[in-house]
C-alpha cells in the first residue's frame, strides 16, 4: 500500500515542479486579494512543510517515542515561500527521501484545537499520513491554481492540477481524462 501512495505524492511533486520551474519570483511572492493576501509561495511552503514534518519524524535512528507528528510545529521557512528555486530544491530533497520511508509502528498525531483550548494525541500510520499529505497538497494546488491564473495567466497548468482524483474520475467534465 505504501508504494502507490508514495508514487502519488511524487506525481504531485512533478506537478509542482511544473510551476516552480516557470513562475517568476515576483509572481510567486505577490500577495493576492483573492487568496486573502496570501501568495503562491506561501501555499507552496505550507504543503512542502507538512511533508517535511512527516519525513523528519521518520529519519533513521528515531525511537518509538519520537513518532509523534505535529503539523503545527513546522519550520515556516521564508526561503521556501519567497524563492521558487529554493522551494524546488526542498521538494527534490523530499522526493529523494519519500521512497525510503518506513514505519511499522503506530505513529501519533498531536493536535491542538485552538478554539477550544484542548489538545491530544490520535493514533495514525505512515500510510494514513502520506494520504493526508496528498489530499492536503491537492487542496493547496487548487488555491495555487487560482493564484497562478492571476499572477502568471500565460502559464498553462496541467488540466488535473488542483482537482481531487475522485472529481476527475466522477465528473463528466473530465471524462476524456480517464477514458
N, C-alpha and C. Protein backbone atom coordinates (compact mmCIF):
# COMPACT_ATOMS: atom_id res chain seq x y z
N UNK A 1 0.82 -1.21 0.00
CA UNK A 1 0.00 0.00 0.00
C UNK A 1 0.86 1.26 0.00
N UNK A 2 2.03 1.20 0.62
CA UNK A 2 2.85 2.39 0.75
C UNK A 2 3.38 2.88 -0.60
N UNK A 3 3.86 1.97 -1.43
CA UNK A 3 4.48 2.39 -2.70
C UNK A 3 3.53 3.18 -3.60
N UNK A 4 2.27 2.73 -3.80
CA UNK A 4 1.37 3.55 -4.63
C UNK A 4 1.12 4.94 -4.05
N UNK A 5 1.05 5.05 -2.73
CA UNK A 5 0.85 6.36 -2.11
C UNK A 5 2.07 7.25 -2.34
N UNK A 6 3.25 6.69 -2.16
CA UNK A 6 4.47 7.46 -2.41
C UNK A 6 4.52 7.90 -3.87
N UNK A 7 4.17 6.99 -4.78
CA UNK A 7 4.16 7.36 -6.20
C UNK A 7 3.17 8.49 -6.48
N UNK A 8 2.02 8.48 -5.82
CA UNK A 8 1.06 9.57 -5.98
C UNK A 8 1.63 10.89 -5.47
N UNK A 9 2.31 10.83 -4.33
CA UNK A 9 2.93 12.04 -3.78
C UNK A 9 4.01 12.55 -4.73
N UNK A 10 4.80 11.65 -5.28
CA UNK A 10 5.86 12.06 -6.21
C UNK A 10 5.27 12.66 -7.49
N UNK A 11 4.13 12.15 -7.93
CA UNK A 11 3.46 12.72 -9.10
C UNK A 11 3.00 14.15 -8.80
N UNK A 12 2.54 14.39 -7.59
CA UNK A 12 2.17 15.76 -7.20
C UNK A 12 3.39 16.67 -7.21
N UNK A 13 4.52 16.14 -6.77
CA UNK A 13 5.75 16.94 -6.80
C UNK A 13 6.11 17.32 -8.24
N UNK A 14 5.88 16.40 -9.17
CA UNK A 14 6.13 16.73 -10.58
C UNK A 14 5.20 17.85 -11.05
N UNK A 15 3.96 17.82 -10.59
CA UNK A 15 3.04 18.91 -10.93
C UNK A 15 3.53 20.23 -10.34
N UNK A 16 4.05 20.19 -9.12
CA UNK A 16 4.58 21.40 -8.51
C UNK A 16 5.83 21.87 -9.26
N UNK A 17 6.65 20.93 -9.68
CA UNK A 17 7.85 21.28 -10.46
C UNK A 17 7.46 22.10 -11.69
N UNK A 18 6.32 21.73 -12.29
CA UNK A 18 5.87 22.41 -13.50
C UNK A 18 5.78 23.92 -13.28
N UNK A 19 5.15 24.34 -12.17
CA UNK A 19 5.03 25.79 -11.97
C UNK A 19 6.27 26.37 -11.31
N UNK A 20 6.95 25.62 -10.45
CA UNK A 20 8.14 26.16 -9.79
C UNK A 20 9.25 26.43 -10.80
N UNK A 21 9.33 25.64 -11.86
CA UNK A 21 10.33 25.86 -12.92
C UNK A 21 10.02 27.09 -13.76
N UNK A 22 8.77 27.52 -13.77
CA UNK A 22 8.34 28.54 -14.73
C UNK A 22 7.93 29.88 -14.11
N UNK A 23 7.50 29.88 -12.87
CA UNK A 23 6.97 31.12 -12.27
C UNK A 23 8.11 32.07 -11.91
N UNK A 24 7.88 33.35 -12.11
CA UNK A 24 8.89 34.34 -11.71
C UNK A 24 8.84 34.51 -10.19
N UNK A 25 9.95 34.98 -9.64
CA UNK A 25 9.98 35.22 -8.20
C UNK A 25 8.96 36.29 -7.80
N UNK A 26 8.82 37.31 -8.63
CA UNK A 26 7.86 38.38 -8.32
C UNK A 26 6.43 37.84 -8.28
N UNK A 27 6.07 37.01 -9.25
CA UNK A 27 4.72 36.43 -9.28
C UNK A 27 4.52 35.48 -8.10
N UNK A 28 5.54 34.72 -7.77
CA UNK A 28 5.49 33.74 -6.69
C UNK A 28 5.24 34.41 -5.34
N UNK A 29 5.72 35.64 -5.20
CA UNK A 29 5.66 36.36 -3.91
C UNK A 29 4.57 37.42 -3.85
N UNK A 30 3.78 37.54 -4.89
CA UNK A 30 2.78 38.62 -4.95
C UNK A 30 1.58 38.31 -4.07
N UNK A 31 1.29 39.16 -3.06
CA UNK A 31 0.08 38.96 -2.25
C UNK A 31 -1.17 39.13 -3.11
N UNK A 32 -2.12 38.24 -2.93
CA UNK A 32 -3.31 38.22 -3.78
C UNK A 32 -4.58 38.42 -2.97
N UNK A 33 -5.34 39.47 -3.26
CA UNK A 33 -6.60 39.69 -2.54
C UNK A 33 -7.55 38.48 -2.63
N UNK A 34 -7.59 37.80 -3.77
CA UNK A 34 -8.48 36.64 -3.90
C UNK A 34 -8.05 35.47 -3.02
N UNK A 35 -6.82 35.53 -2.51
CA UNK A 35 -6.32 34.50 -1.59
C UNK A 35 -6.09 35.08 -0.20
N UNK A 36 -6.89 36.06 0.17
CA UNK A 36 -6.77 36.72 1.48
C UNK A 36 -5.36 37.25 1.71
N UNK A 37 -4.76 37.78 0.65
CA UNK A 37 -3.43 38.38 0.64
C UNK A 37 -2.31 37.34 0.81
N UNK A 38 -2.63 36.07 0.68
CA UNK A 38 -1.60 35.04 0.67
C UNK A 38 -0.95 35.02 -0.71
N UNK A 39 0.18 34.34 -0.80
CA UNK A 39 0.92 34.25 -2.06
C UNK A 39 0.98 32.79 -2.51
N UNK A 40 1.32 32.61 -3.78
CA UNK A 40 1.56 31.25 -4.29
C UNK A 40 2.68 30.62 -3.47
N UNK A 41 3.70 31.40 -3.15
CA UNK A 41 4.83 30.89 -2.37
C UNK A 41 4.43 30.43 -0.98
N UNK A 42 3.52 31.15 -0.34
CA UNK A 42 3.08 30.74 1.00
C UNK A 42 2.33 29.41 0.94
N UNK A 43 1.49 29.24 -0.07
CA UNK A 43 0.77 27.97 -0.19
C UNK A 43 1.74 26.83 -0.52
N UNK A 44 2.77 27.13 -1.30
CA UNK A 44 3.78 26.12 -1.62
C UNK A 44 4.54 25.73 -0.36
N UNK A 45 4.98 26.74 0.39
CA UNK A 45 5.70 26.45 1.64
C UNK A 45 4.85 25.58 2.55
N UNK A 46 3.59 25.91 2.65
CA UNK A 46 2.70 25.21 3.56
C UNK A 46 2.64 23.71 3.25
N UNK A 47 2.38 23.34 2.00
CA UNK A 47 2.27 21.90 1.73
C UNK A 47 3.62 21.21 1.80
N UNK A 48 4.70 21.89 1.40
CA UNK A 48 6.02 21.26 1.49
C UNK A 48 6.42 21.04 2.95
N UNK A 49 6.10 21.97 3.82
CA UNK A 49 6.48 21.81 5.22
C UNK A 49 5.69 20.70 5.90
N UNK A 50 4.49 20.42 5.45
CA UNK A 50 3.77 19.27 6.00
C UNK A 50 4.52 17.98 5.65
N UNK A 51 4.97 17.87 4.41
CA UNK A 51 5.76 16.70 4.03
C UNK A 51 7.07 16.66 4.82
N UNK A 52 7.69 17.82 5.05
CA UNK A 52 8.92 17.85 5.84
C UNK A 52 8.68 17.31 7.25
N UNK A 53 7.58 17.70 7.86
CA UNK A 53 7.26 17.21 9.21
C UNK A 53 7.23 15.69 9.22
N UNK A 54 6.59 15.11 8.24
CA UNK A 54 6.47 13.65 8.17
C UNK A 54 7.83 13.00 7.94
N UNK A 55 8.58 13.48 6.97
CA UNK A 55 9.88 12.89 6.65
C UNK A 55 10.83 13.00 7.83
N UNK A 56 10.85 14.14 8.50
CA UNK A 56 11.77 14.33 9.62
C UNK A 56 11.47 13.40 10.79
N UNK A 57 10.21 13.05 10.99
CA UNK A 57 9.86 12.14 12.09
C UNK A 57 10.33 10.72 11.83
N UNK A 58 10.59 10.40 10.58
CA UNK A 58 10.91 9.01 10.24
C UNK A 58 12.35 8.83 9.78
N UNK A 59 13.23 9.71 10.23
CA UNK A 59 14.64 9.56 9.90
C UNK A 59 15.21 8.34 10.62
N UNK A 60 16.20 7.67 10.02
CA UNK A 60 16.81 6.51 10.68
C UNK A 60 17.30 6.86 12.08
N UNK A 61 17.13 5.92 12.99
CA UNK A 61 17.59 6.11 14.35
C UNK A 61 16.56 6.72 15.28
N UNK A 62 15.41 7.10 14.77
CA UNK A 62 14.36 7.65 15.63
C UNK A 62 13.78 6.54 16.50
N UNK A 63 13.49 6.86 17.71
CA UNK A 63 12.91 5.91 18.65
C UNK A 63 11.39 5.97 18.57
N UNK A 64 10.72 4.94 19.07
CA UNK A 64 9.26 4.87 19.03
C UNK A 64 8.62 6.09 19.69
N UNK A 65 9.22 6.57 20.76
CA UNK A 65 8.64 7.73 21.45
C UNK A 65 8.77 9.02 20.62
N UNK A 66 9.60 8.98 19.57
CA UNK A 66 9.74 10.13 18.68
C UNK A 66 8.69 10.16 17.58
N UNK A 67 7.84 9.16 17.51
CA UNK A 67 6.88 9.05 16.42
C UNK A 67 5.60 9.85 16.68
N UNK A 68 5.78 11.04 17.22
CA UNK A 68 4.67 11.97 17.46
C UNK A 68 4.79 13.08 16.42
N UNK A 69 3.79 13.17 15.58
CA UNK A 69 3.78 14.10 14.46
C UNK A 69 2.89 15.29 14.80
N UNK A 70 3.41 16.48 14.61
CA UNK A 70 2.63 17.69 14.87
C UNK A 70 2.84 18.66 13.71
N UNK A 71 1.83 18.79 12.86
CA UNK A 71 1.94 19.66 11.69
C UNK A 71 1.96 21.14 12.06
N UNK A 72 1.52 21.49 13.26
CA UNK A 72 1.60 22.88 13.69
C UNK A 72 3.04 23.28 14.00
N UNK A 73 3.86 22.30 14.32
CA UNK A 73 5.25 22.54 14.72
C UNK A 73 6.17 22.38 13.51
N UNK A 74 6.02 23.29 12.55
CA UNK A 74 6.84 23.21 11.35
C UNK A 74 7.75 24.44 11.28
N UNK A 75 8.68 24.41 10.36
CA UNK A 75 9.74 25.42 10.30
C UNK A 75 9.25 26.82 9.91
N UNK A 76 8.34 26.90 8.98
CA UNK A 76 7.89 28.18 8.42
C UNK A 76 9.08 28.94 7.81
N UNK A 77 9.76 28.24 6.92
CA UNK A 77 10.97 28.73 6.27
C UNK A 77 10.60 29.74 5.18
N UNK A 78 10.90 31.00 5.41
CA UNK A 78 10.55 32.07 4.47
C UNK A 78 11.21 31.88 3.11
N UNK A 79 12.35 31.19 3.07
CA UNK A 79 13.01 30.99 1.77
C UNK A 79 12.15 30.15 0.83
N UNK A 80 11.39 29.20 1.39
CA UNK A 80 10.51 28.38 0.54
C UNK A 80 9.41 29.24 -0.06
N UNK A 81 8.89 30.18 0.70
CA UNK A 81 7.76 30.98 0.22
C UNK A 81 8.17 32.18 -0.61
N UNK A 82 9.47 32.50 -0.65
CA UNK A 82 9.91 33.67 -1.42
C UNK A 82 10.80 33.34 -2.60
N UNK A 83 11.26 32.11 -2.70
CA UNK A 83 12.19 31.73 -3.76
C UNK A 83 11.75 30.41 -4.38
N UNK A 84 11.14 30.45 -5.56
CA UNK A 84 10.65 29.20 -6.16
C UNK A 84 11.77 28.20 -6.46
N UNK A 85 12.98 28.67 -6.72
CA UNK A 85 14.09 27.73 -6.98
C UNK A 85 14.49 27.02 -5.68
N UNK A 86 14.46 27.74 -4.58
CA UNK A 86 14.75 27.10 -3.29
C UNK A 86 13.65 26.10 -2.94
N UNK A 87 12.40 26.47 -3.18
CA UNK A 87 11.28 25.55 -2.94
C UNK A 87 11.47 24.28 -3.75
N UNK A 88 11.93 24.43 -4.97
CA UNK A 88 12.18 23.28 -5.83
C UNK A 88 13.27 22.38 -5.25
N UNK A 89 14.32 22.97 -4.69
CA UNK A 89 15.38 22.18 -4.05
C UNK A 89 14.84 21.41 -2.84
N UNK A 90 14.03 22.07 -2.03
CA UNK A 90 13.42 21.41 -0.87
C UNK A 90 12.56 20.25 -1.33
N UNK A 91 11.77 20.49 -2.36
CA UNK A 91 10.88 19.45 -2.87
C UNK A 91 11.68 18.27 -3.43
N UNK A 92 12.77 18.55 -4.13
CA UNK A 92 13.61 17.48 -4.66
C UNK A 92 14.21 16.64 -3.55
N UNK A 93 14.60 17.28 -2.47
CA UNK A 93 15.12 16.55 -1.31
C UNK A 93 14.04 15.64 -0.72
N UNK A 94 12.83 16.16 -0.60
CA UNK A 94 11.72 15.35 -0.10
C UNK A 94 11.44 14.17 -1.04
N UNK A 95 11.50 14.43 -2.33
CA UNK A 95 11.24 13.37 -3.32
C UNK A 95 12.27 12.25 -3.22
N UNK A 96 13.49 12.59 -2.87
CA UNK A 96 14.53 11.57 -2.68
C UNK A 96 14.27 10.74 -1.42
N UNK A 97 13.73 11.37 -0.39
CA UNK A 97 13.56 10.70 0.90
C UNK A 97 12.26 9.90 1.01
N UNK A 98 11.21 10.35 0.35
CA UNK A 98 9.90 9.69 0.49
C UNK A 98 9.92 8.19 0.19
N UNK A 99 10.56 7.75 -0.90
CA UNK A 99 10.51 6.31 -1.21
C UNK A 99 11.15 5.41 -0.16
N UNK A 100 12.03 5.95 0.65
CA UNK A 100 12.69 5.11 1.65
C UNK A 100 12.03 5.17 3.03
N UNK A 101 10.94 5.90 3.17
CA UNK A 101 10.25 5.96 4.46
C UNK A 101 9.67 4.61 4.82
N UNK A 102 9.79 4.28 6.07
CA UNK A 102 9.21 3.04 6.57
C UNK A 102 8.86 3.22 8.04
N UNK A 103 7.74 2.64 8.43
CA UNK A 103 7.35 2.68 9.84
C UNK A 103 6.28 1.63 10.06
N UNK A 104 6.62 0.59 10.79
CA UNK A 104 5.65 -0.46 11.09
C UNK A 104 4.93 -0.21 12.40
N UNK A 105 5.39 0.77 13.15
CA UNK A 105 4.80 1.06 14.46
C UNK A 105 3.69 2.09 14.33
N UNK A 106 2.86 2.14 15.35
CA UNK A 106 1.84 3.18 15.40
C UNK A 106 2.52 4.53 15.56
N UNK A 107 2.10 5.46 14.74
CA UNK A 107 2.54 6.84 14.90
C UNK A 107 1.43 7.57 15.64
N UNK A 108 1.76 8.73 16.15
CA UNK A 108 0.78 9.54 16.87
C UNK A 108 0.73 10.92 16.26
N UNK A 109 -0.47 11.40 16.05
CA UNK A 109 -0.70 12.75 15.55
C UNK A 109 -1.08 13.62 16.74
N UNK A 110 -0.25 14.61 17.02
CA UNK A 110 -0.55 15.56 18.09
C UNK A 110 -1.33 16.72 17.48
N UNK A 111 -2.43 17.06 18.12
CA UNK A 111 -3.24 18.15 17.60
C UNK A 111 -3.56 19.13 18.72
N UNK A 112 -3.84 20.35 18.31
CA UNK A 112 -4.30 21.38 19.24
C UNK A 112 -5.53 22.02 18.63
N UNK A 113 -6.59 22.09 19.41
CA UNK A 113 -7.79 22.82 19.00
C UNK A 113 -7.69 24.18 19.67
N UNK A 114 -7.24 25.16 18.89
CA UNK A 114 -7.01 26.49 19.45
C UNK A 114 -8.31 27.18 19.84
N UNK A 115 -9.42 26.79 19.22
CA UNK A 115 -10.71 27.38 19.55
C UNK A 115 -11.17 26.94 20.94
N UNK A 116 -11.04 25.64 21.20
CA UNK A 116 -11.49 25.09 22.49
C UNK A 116 -10.39 25.08 23.54
N UNK A 117 -9.14 25.29 23.10
CA UNK A 117 -8.04 25.25 24.05
C UNK A 117 -7.70 23.85 24.53
N UNK A 118 -7.94 22.86 23.67
CA UNK A 118 -7.63 21.48 24.02
C UNK A 118 -6.59 20.93 23.06
N UNK A 119 -5.97 19.84 23.48
CA UNK A 119 -5.02 19.15 22.61
C UNK A 119 -5.05 17.67 22.95
N UNK A 120 -4.41 16.89 22.11
CA UNK A 120 -4.38 15.46 22.36
C UNK A 120 -3.57 14.73 21.32
N UNK A 121 -3.60 13.41 21.43
CA UNK A 121 -2.88 12.53 20.51
C UNK A 121 -3.87 11.56 19.88
N UNK A 122 -3.72 11.33 18.58
CA UNK A 122 -4.53 10.36 17.87
C UNK A 122 -3.62 9.33 17.22
N UNK A 123 -3.98 8.05 17.27
CA UNK A 123 -3.14 7.06 16.59
C UNK A 123 -3.26 7.23 15.07
N UNK A 124 -2.16 7.01 14.38
CA UNK A 124 -2.14 7.12 12.93
C UNK A 124 -1.07 6.19 12.38
N UNK A 125 -0.87 6.25 11.08
CA UNK A 125 0.13 5.40 10.44
C UNK A 125 0.82 6.19 9.33
N UNK A 126 1.93 5.67 8.87
CA UNK A 126 2.65 6.30 7.78
C UNK A 126 1.76 6.42 6.54
N UNK A 127 1.06 5.34 6.21
CA UNK A 127 0.18 5.36 5.04
C UNK A 127 -0.89 6.43 5.17
N UNK A 128 -1.51 6.50 6.33
CA UNK A 128 -2.56 7.50 6.54
C UNK A 128 -2.02 8.91 6.41
N UNK A 129 -0.83 9.14 6.91
CA UNK A 129 -0.26 10.49 6.86
C UNK A 129 0.20 10.87 5.45
N UNK A 130 0.69 9.91 4.69
CA UNK A 130 1.01 10.21 3.29
C UNK A 130 -0.27 10.54 2.54
N UNK A 131 -1.32 9.76 2.76
CA UNK A 131 -2.61 10.04 2.12
C UNK A 131 -3.11 11.43 2.52
N UNK A 132 -3.02 11.76 3.79
CA UNK A 132 -3.43 13.09 4.25
C UNK A 132 -2.63 14.18 3.52
N UNK A 133 -1.33 13.99 3.44
CA UNK A 133 -0.49 14.99 2.77
C UNK A 133 -0.84 15.13 1.30
N UNK A 134 -1.19 14.04 0.65
CA UNK A 134 -1.61 14.09 -0.76
C UNK A 134 -2.87 14.95 -0.88
N UNK A 135 -3.88 14.64 -0.08
CA UNK A 135 -5.14 15.40 -0.14
C UNK A 135 -4.93 16.87 0.22
N UNK A 136 -4.10 17.11 1.21
CA UNK A 136 -3.78 18.47 1.64
C UNK A 136 -3.09 19.24 0.52
N UNK A 137 -2.17 18.59 -0.17
CA UNK A 137 -1.45 19.23 -1.27
C UNK A 137 -2.39 19.56 -2.41
N UNK A 138 -3.28 18.64 -2.76
CA UNK A 138 -4.24 18.90 -3.84
C UNK A 138 -5.11 20.12 -3.50
N UNK A 139 -5.52 20.21 -2.25
CA UNK A 139 -6.30 21.37 -1.80
C UNK A 139 -5.51 22.66 -2.02
N UNK A 140 -4.24 22.66 -1.65
CA UNK A 140 -3.42 23.86 -1.84
C UNK A 140 -3.13 24.11 -3.31
N UNK A 141 -3.03 23.05 -4.10
CA UNK A 141 -2.87 23.23 -5.55
C UNK A 141 -4.06 23.99 -6.13
N UNK A 142 -5.26 23.72 -5.64
CA UNK A 142 -6.44 24.44 -6.13
C UNK A 142 -6.29 25.94 -5.87
N UNK A 143 -5.79 26.29 -4.69
CA UNK A 143 -5.57 27.70 -4.37
C UNK A 143 -4.41 28.27 -5.17
N UNK A 144 -3.36 27.48 -5.33
CA UNK A 144 -2.21 27.91 -6.13
C UNK A 144 -2.64 28.16 -7.57
N UNK A 145 -3.52 27.30 -8.09
CA UNK A 145 -4.02 27.49 -9.46
C UNK A 145 -4.74 28.83 -9.60
N UNK A 146 -5.56 29.17 -8.62
CA UNK A 146 -6.24 30.48 -8.64
C UNK A 146 -5.19 31.59 -8.67
N UNK A 147 -4.20 31.47 -7.79
CA UNK A 147 -3.15 32.49 -7.73
C UNK A 147 -2.35 32.59 -9.02
N UNK A 148 -1.96 31.46 -9.57
CA UNK A 148 -1.17 31.48 -10.81
C UNK A 148 -1.97 32.02 -11.98
N UNK A 149 -3.27 31.76 -12.00
CA UNK A 149 -4.10 32.32 -13.07
C UNK A 149 -4.13 33.85 -13.02
N UNK A 150 -3.89 34.40 -11.83
CA UNK A 150 -3.86 35.86 -11.67
C UNK A 150 -2.47 36.42 -11.99
N UNK A 151 -1.43 35.83 -11.38
CA UNK A 151 -0.08 36.41 -11.49
C UNK A 151 0.69 35.94 -12.71
N UNK A 152 0.33 34.79 -13.25
CA UNK A 152 1.00 34.23 -14.44
C UNK A 152 -0.04 33.64 -15.38
N UNK A 153 -0.91 34.48 -15.93
CA UNK A 153 -2.03 33.95 -16.72
C UNK A 153 -1.61 33.16 -17.96
N UNK A 154 -0.40 33.34 -18.44
CA UNK A 154 0.06 32.59 -19.62
C UNK A 154 0.58 31.20 -19.26
N UNK A 155 0.75 30.94 -17.98
CA UNK A 155 1.24 29.63 -17.53
C UNK A 155 0.08 28.64 -17.56
N UNK A 156 0.15 27.67 -18.46
CA UNK A 156 -0.91 26.68 -18.58
C UNK A 156 -0.57 25.46 -17.73
N UNK A 157 -1.31 25.29 -16.66
CA UNK A 157 -1.11 24.16 -15.76
C UNK A 157 -1.75 22.91 -16.34
N UNK A 158 -1.29 21.73 -15.92
CA UNK A 158 -1.96 20.50 -16.35
C UNK A 158 -3.44 20.56 -15.96
N UNK A 159 -4.30 20.00 -16.79
CA UNK A 159 -5.75 20.10 -16.59
C UNK A 159 -6.17 19.53 -15.23
N UNK A 160 -5.44 18.53 -14.74
CA UNK A 160 -5.81 17.89 -13.47
C UNK A 160 -5.29 18.64 -12.24
N UNK A 161 -4.50 19.67 -12.43
CA UNK A 161 -3.85 20.38 -11.33
C UNK A 161 -4.89 20.95 -10.37
N UNK A 162 -4.80 20.58 -9.10
CA UNK A 162 -5.68 21.12 -8.07
C UNK A 162 -7.07 20.52 -8.04
N UNK A 163 -7.25 19.40 -8.72
CA UNK A 163 -8.56 18.74 -8.74
C UNK A 163 -8.40 17.36 -8.12
N UNK A 164 -9.26 17.05 -7.18
CA UNK A 164 -9.19 15.76 -6.48
C UNK A 164 -9.38 14.61 -7.47
N UNK A 165 -8.64 13.52 -7.30
CA UNK A 165 -8.79 12.37 -8.19
C UNK A 165 -10.23 11.86 -8.27
N UNK A 166 -10.97 11.90 -7.16
CA UNK A 166 -12.36 11.43 -7.20
C UNK A 166 -13.21 12.32 -8.10
N UNK A 167 -12.93 13.61 -8.11
CA UNK A 167 -13.64 14.53 -9.00
C UNK A 167 -13.27 14.25 -10.45
N UNK A 168 -11.99 14.04 -10.70
CA UNK A 168 -11.56 13.71 -12.06
C UNK A 168 -12.23 12.43 -12.55
N UNK A 169 -12.38 11.49 -11.65
CA UNK A 169 -12.95 10.19 -12.01
C UNK A 169 -14.46 10.25 -12.22
N UNK A 170 -15.15 11.02 -11.41
CA UNK A 170 -16.62 11.00 -11.40
C UNK A 170 -17.28 12.10 -12.23
N UNK A 171 -16.58 13.16 -12.50
CA UNK A 171 -17.21 14.29 -13.18
C UNK A 171 -17.21 14.09 -14.70
N UNK A 172 -18.36 14.27 -15.33
CA UNK A 172 -18.40 14.14 -16.79
C UNK A 172 -17.53 15.19 -17.50
N UNK A 173 -17.25 16.29 -16.82
CA UNK A 173 -16.40 17.33 -17.39
C UNK A 173 -15.01 16.78 -17.71
N UNK A 174 -14.56 15.81 -16.90
CA UNK A 174 -13.21 15.27 -17.06
C UNK A 174 -13.22 13.86 -17.66
N UNK A 175 -14.31 13.45 -18.26
CA UNK A 175 -14.45 12.08 -18.77
C UNK A 175 -13.34 11.73 -19.76
N UNK A 176 -12.90 12.68 -20.56
CA UNK A 176 -11.87 12.38 -21.54
C UNK A 176 -10.50 12.11 -20.91
N UNK A 177 -10.32 12.45 -19.64
CA UNK A 177 -9.04 12.20 -18.97
C UNK A 177 -8.89 10.76 -18.50
N UNK A 178 -10.00 10.07 -18.29
CA UNK A 178 -9.90 8.71 -17.76
C UNK A 178 -10.60 7.69 -18.65
N UNK A 179 -10.76 8.00 -19.88
CA UNK A 179 -11.28 7.02 -20.83
C UNK A 179 -12.74 7.05 -20.95
